Amino acid sequence: MQLKHAFASDGYVWMRQGFWLFKKNPLAFLMLVFLYIFIAQFAILIPVFGVFIILVLTPGLTVGFMTACQMVIRGERVYPTVYLSGFKTVDPLVRKNLLTLGTIYAFLILILSLIASAFIDFKQLLTILTQQSPPTLRDVESIYFGLGVGLLLYVPIAMIMWFAPLLVAWGKMSVGQALFSSWIACWSNRGAFIYYMIIWAIIIVAMPFFFEALLDGMGMRVAIPFIIPPYSMAALTVLYCSFFATWKACFDPD
């Protein structure tokens, strides 16, 4: 794999390419994202081990979704079983490395949660997010503070894990080499990634708040459940599609 360098403005290009890919087969991508969310929510119901299991499987599931992106580009039909493509590889070492990546990821998320708990009152944050009454200004500040702290803590983890599953599955790298190469790729193209993240923060975080406030101000709060969740689901799916664009932009397969 040859690392390529991107311009800062490429962050916007990656977002547009995500939309382009999504439009080629929106039903398939929505089905895959919905299935992943369903599996994650079901796993959470399993005490203690549920969250750990889904985190361990995440690198393999990521390879599956990226494989689906390749299939859509080639015009092939996508089935839910594509999620298993990373684990069905003929190379047992790749399967082992993907599970090792998942274990490392789960361990890092555990450490992040322990550190974040010192700054964020998760019980209060959950109450704010689930209450029926409109949040106060102080509640909104708490939400943004929690998101900000969580994001800052997650950035280093995201950098080493961003490309690692694909470098293991498609680049045949070892776990250590994949983690290091992913970090280098993200750091070398940090300008584009910062621009990319800002765009998606506006689309996924800021826009739903804006739409909710707009509908509430127009006296149409009853319409919020019919507008915000579908919008968020579609935006999240396009975000996942744009991950493939970052891969193609930062690595040149042999």
Protein backbone atom coordinates (compact mmCIF):
# COMPACT_ATOMS: atom_id res chain seq x y z
CA MET A 1 0.00 0.00 0.00
CA GLN A 2 1.32 3.42 -0.97
CA LEU A 3 0.33 6.35 1.23
CA LYS A 4 -1.02 9.35 -0.68
CA HIS A 5 -1.28 12.94 0.52
CA ALA A 6 -4.51 14.91 0.28
CA PHE A 7 -5.22 18.63 0.23
CA ALA A 8 -7.27 20.17 3.04
CA SER A 9 -10.10 20.83 0.58
CA ASP A 10 -10.30 17.09 -0.12
CA GLY A 11 -12.27 16.76 3.11
CA TYR A 12 -15.21 18.30 1.26
CA VAL A 13 -14.58 16.02 -1.72
CA TRP A 14 -14.76 12.94 0.52
CA MET A 15 -18.14 14.07 1.80
CA ARG A 16 -19.43 14.55 -1.75
CA GLN A 17 -18.10 11.14 -2.78
CA GLY A 18 -19.95 9.64 0.16
CA PHE A 19 -23.20 11.13 -1.20
CA TRP A 20 -22.34 9.85 -4.68
CA LEU A 21 -21.77 6.32 -3.39
CA PHE A 22 -24.91 6.40 -1.24
CA LYS A 23 -27.06 7.44 -4.21
CA LYS A 24 -25.88 4.42 -6.20
CA ASN A 25 -27.74 2.05 -3.86
CA PRO A 26 -29.35 3.85 -0.90
CA LEU A 27 -31.55 0.90 0.11
CA ALA A 28 -28.59 -1.45 0.44
CA PHE A 29 -26.57 0.98 2.55
CA LEU A 30 -29.53 1.89 4.76
CA MET A 31 -30.21 -1.80 5.28
CA LEU A 32 -26.60 -2.42 6.35
CA VAL A 33 -26.50 0.52 8.77
CA PHE A 34 -29.90 -0.38 10.24
CA LEU A 35 -28.72 -3.97 10.68
CA TYR A 36 -25.56 -2.82 12.44
CA ILE A 37 -27.53 -0.55 14.79
CA PHE A 38 -29.98 -3.38 15.51
CA ILE A 39 -27.14 -5.81 16.29
CA ALA A 40 -25.43 -3.23 18.51
CA GLN A 41 -28.62 -2.50 20.45
CA PHE A 42 -29.29 -6.21 20.88
CA ALA A 43 -25.72 -6.79 22.08
CA ILE A 44 -26.06 -4.03 24.67
CA LEU A 45 -28.87 -6.04 26.27
CA ILE A 46 -26.37 -8.79 27.10
CA PRO A 47 -24.94 -7.89 30.52
CA VAL A 48 -21.21 -7.05 30.70
CA PHE A 49 -20.14 -8.95 27.58
CA GLY A 50 -22.56 -7.46 25.04
CA VAL A 51 -20.74 -4.18 24.48
CA PHE A 52 -17.38 -5.97 24.53
CA ILE A 53 -18.50 -8.42 21.83
CA ILE A 54 -19.72 -5.70 19.44
CA LEU A 55 -16.49 -3.71 19.92
CA VAL A 56 -14.36 -6.78 19.21
CA LEU A 57 -16.33 -7.48 16.03
CA THR A 58 -16.26 -3.84 14.84
CA PRO A 59 -13.06 -4.08 12.70
CA GLY A 60 -14.42 -7.14 10.90
CA LEU A 61 -17.80 -5.49 10.37
CA THR A 62 -15.99 -2.42 9.03
CA VAL A 63 -14.27 -4.57 6.42
CA GLY A 64 -17.67 -5.97 5.52
CA PHE A 65 -19.19 -2.52 4.99
CA MET A 66 -16.21 -1.39 2.90
CA THR A 67 -16.55 -4.56 0.84
CA ALA A 68 -20.18 -3.60 0.26
CA CYS A 69 -18.97 -0.22 -1.03
CA GLN A 70 -16.77 -2.00 -3.56
CA MET A 71 -19.66 -4.22 -4.63
CA VAL A 72 -22.01 -1.25 -5.13
CA ILE A 73 -19.41 0.52 -7.26
CA ARG A 74 -19.10 -2.63 -9.40
CA GLY A 75 -22.89 -2.83 -9.67
CA GLU A 76 -23.18 -6.05 -7.69
CA ARG A 77 -26.07 -6.97 -5.40
CA VAL A 78 -25.37 -6.56 -1.68
CA TYR A 79 -26.65 -8.98 0.97
CA PRO A 80 -26.47 -8.68 4.77
CA THR A 81 -23.95 -11.55 4.80
CA VAL A 82 -21.38 -9.13 3.37
CA TYR A 83 -20.67 -8.20 6.99
CA LEU A 84 -19.06 -11.62 7.39
CA SER A 85 -16.66 -11.15 4.46
CA GLY A 86 -13.81 -10.06 6.72
CA PHE A 87 -14.16 -13.18 8.86
CA LYS A 88 -14.73 -15.59 5.95
CA THR A 89 -11.33 -14.84 4.44
CA VAL A 90 -9.27 -17.83 3.37
CA ASP A 91 -6.31 -16.44 5.35
CA PRO A 92 -6.77 -17.40 9.03
CA LEU A 93 -4.10 -14.87 10.03
CA VAL A 94 -6.27 -12.01 8.72
CA ARG A 95 -9.22 -13.26 10.75
CA LYS A 96 -7.02 -13.51 13.84
CA ASN A 97 -5.62 -10.01 13.30
CA LEU A 98 -9.10 -8.52 12.88
CA LEU A 99 -10.17 -10.04 16.20
CA THR A 100 -6.96 -8.77 17.80
CA LEU A 101 -7.72 -5.29 16.47
CA GLY A 102 -11.20 -5.55 17.94
CA THR A 103 -9.82 -6.55 21.32
CA ILE A 104 -7.44 -3.58 21.30
CA TYR A 105 -10.31 -1.31 20.29
CA ALA A 106 -12.52 -2.59 23.12
CA PHE A 107 -9.70 -2.09 25.62
CA LEU A 108 -9.09 1.49 24.42
CA ILE A 109 -12.80 2.33 24.62
CA LEU A 110 -12.85 0.99 28.18
CA ILE A 111 -9.96 3.27 29.14
CA LEU A 112 -11.65 6.20 27.39
CA SER A 113 -14.86 5.57 29.33
CA LEU A 114 -13.01 5.50 32.63
CA ILE A 115 -11.24 8.78 31.85
CA ALA A 116 -14.40 10.44 30.53
CA SER A 117 -16.35 9.52 33.65
CA ALA A 118 -14.15 11.94 35.59
CA PHE A 119 -15.38 14.83 33.42
CA ILE A 120 -18.90 13.82 32.39
CA ASP A 121 -21.92 12.97 34.52
CA PHE A 122 -23.35 10.26 32.25
CA LYS A 123 -26.47 9.81 34.39
CA GLN A 124 -27.34 13.50 34.06
CA LEU A 125 -26.53 13.46 30.34
CA LEU A 126 -28.82 10.46 29.78
CA THR A 127 -31.63 12.22 31.66
CA ILE A 128 -31.27 15.28 29.44
CA LEU A 129 -31.34 13.21 26.24
CA THR A 130 -34.39 11.17 27.25
CA GLN A 131 -36.57 13.83 28.89
CA GLN A 132 -39.71 14.88 27.02
CA SER A 133 -39.53 18.61 27.83
CA PRO A 134 -37.32 20.91 25.71
CA PRO A 135 -33.74 21.14 27.06
CA THR A 136 -32.71 24.33 28.81
CA LEU A 137 -29.68 26.39 27.82
CA ARG A 138 -27.73 24.77 30.64
CA ASP A 139 -28.78 21.32 29.39
CA VAL A 140 -27.56 22.17 25.87
CA GLU A 141 -24.25 23.37 27.30
CA SER A 142 -23.92 20.06 29.17
CA ILE A 143 -24.59 18.10 26.01
CA TYR A 144 -22.00 20.02 23.99
CA PHE A 145 -19.47 19.78 26.81
CA GLY A 146 -19.96 16.02 26.95
CA LEU A 147 -19.66 15.71 23.17
CA GLY A 148 -16.53 17.88 23.16
CA VAL A 149 -14.75 15.92 25.88
CA GLY A 150 -15.72 12.59 24.32
CA LEU A 151 -14.54 13.72 20.89
CA LEU A 152 -11.16 14.92 22.15
CA LEU A 153 -10.57 11.65 23.96
CA TYR A 154 -11.69 9.56 20.99
CA VAL A 155 -9.59 11.31 18.31
CA PRO A 156 -6.34 9.38 19.02
CA ILE A 157 -8.26 6.08 19.02
CA ALA A 158 -9.98 7.00 15.75
CA MET A 159 -6.64 7.84 14.13
CA ILE A 160 -5.05 4.46 14.82
CA MET A 161 -8.22 2.51 14.02
CA TRP A 162 -9.46 4.44 10.97
CA PHE A 163 -7.65 2.43 8.30
CA ALA A 164 -6.31 -0.43 10.43
CA PRO A 165 -9.05 -3.00 9.59
CA LEU A 166 -8.61 -2.49 5.84
CA LEU A 167 -4.82 -2.50 6.09
CA VAL A 168 -5.04 -5.84 7.90
CA ALA A 169 -7.67 -7.37 5.58
CA TRP A 170 -6.67 -5.90 2.23
CA GLY A 171 -3.08 -4.81 2.82
CA LYS A 172 -2.14 -8.01 4.70
CA MET A 173 -0.32 -5.97 7.35
CA SER A 174 0.35 -7.07 10.90
CA VAL A 175 -1.71 -5.47 13.67
CA GLY A 176 1.11 -3.20 14.84
CA GLN A 177 1.99 -2.11 11.31
CA ALA A 178 -1.66 -1.42 10.48
CA LEU A 179 -2.19 0.70 13.59
CA PHE A 180 0.98 2.69 12.93
CA SER A 181 0.20 3.16 9.22
CA SER A 182 -3.32 4.33 10.03
CA TRP A 183 -1.94 6.91 12.46
CA ILE A 184 0.59 8.15 9.90
CA ALA A 185 -2.08 8.39 7.18
CA CYS A 186 -4.44 10.40 9.39
CA TRP A 187 -1.66 12.66 10.70
CA SER A 188 -0.17 13.27 7.25
CA ASN A 189 -3.60 14.26 5.92
CA ARG A 190 -4.79 15.98 9.11
CA GLY A 191 -5.84 19.13 7.24
CA ALA A 192 -8.27 17.19 5.08
CA PHE A 193 -9.52 15.15 8.04
CA ILE A 194 -10.14 18.26 10.17
CA TYR A 195 -12.14 19.83 7.33
CA TYR A 196 -13.96 16.51 6.82
CA MET A 197 -14.85 16.22 10.52
CA ILE A 198 -16.07 19.82 10.74
CA ILE A 199 -18.40 19.25 7.79
CA TRP A 200 -19.84 16.08 9.32
CA ALA A 201 -20.16 17.68 12.76
CA ILE A 202 -22.37 20.33 11.16
CA ILE A 203 -24.41 17.76 9.21
CA ILE A 204 -24.89 15.19 11.98
CA VAL A 205 -24.80 17.26 15.19
CA ALA A 206 -25.63 20.90 14.45
CA MET A 207 -28.30 20.44 11.77
CA PRO A 208 -30.62 18.21 13.87
CA PHE A 209 -30.50 20.79 16.68
CA PHE A 210 -31.31 23.51 14.15
CA PHE A 211 -34.20 21.57 12.62
CA GLU A 212 -35.60 20.72 16.05
CA ALA A 213 -35.44 24.35 17.20
CA LEU A 214 -37.01 25.50 13.91
CA LEU A 215 -39.90 23.04 14.11
CA ASP A 216 -40.41 23.82 17.79
CA GLY A 217 -40.52 27.54 17.03
CA MET A 218 -43.09 26.93 14.30
CA GLY A 219 -45.28 24.96 16.69
CA MET A 220 -44.64 21.72 14.83
CA ARG A 221 -42.88 19.78 17.57
CA VAL A 222 -45.12 16.79 16.86
CA ALA A 223 -43.38 16.44 13.48
CA ILE A 224 -39.90 16.13 15.00
CA PRO A 225 -39.97 12.29 15.39
CA PHE A 226 -40.92 11.98 11.71
CA ILE A 227 -38.16 14.26 10.43
CA ILE A 228 -35.10 14.19 12.70
CA PRO A 229 -34.60 10.38 13.06
CA PRO A 230 -34.87 9.66 9.29
CA TYR A 231 -32.54 12.59 8.57
CA SER A 232 -30.02 11.37 11.15
CA MET A 233 -30.20 7.80 9.82
CA ALA A 234 -29.57 8.95 6.24
CA ALA A 235 -26.74 11.29 7.29
CA LEU A 236 -25.07 8.53 9.31
CA THR A 237 -25.28 6.17 6.35
CA VAL A 238 -23.70 8.72 4.00
CA LEU A 239 -20.95 9.25 6.60
CA TYR A 240 -20.18 5.52 6.53
CA CYS A 241 -20.10 5.61 2.73
CA SER A 242 -17.62 8.47 2.83
CA PHE A 243 -15.21 6.30 4.85
CA PHE A 244 -14.52 4.44 1.61
CA ALA A 245 -13.63 7.74 -0.06
CA THR A 246 -11.04 8.46 2.63
CA TRP A 247 -9.50 5.04 2.03
CA LYS A 248 -9.21 5.56 -1.71
CA ALA A 249 -7.80 9.05 -1.20
CA CYS A 250 -5.12 8.12 1.34
CA PHE A 251 -3.96 4.71 0.08
CA ASP A 252 -3.11 3.56 -3.39
CA PRO A 253 -3.51 -0.24 -3.64
CA ASP A 254 -0.77 -1.98 -5.57
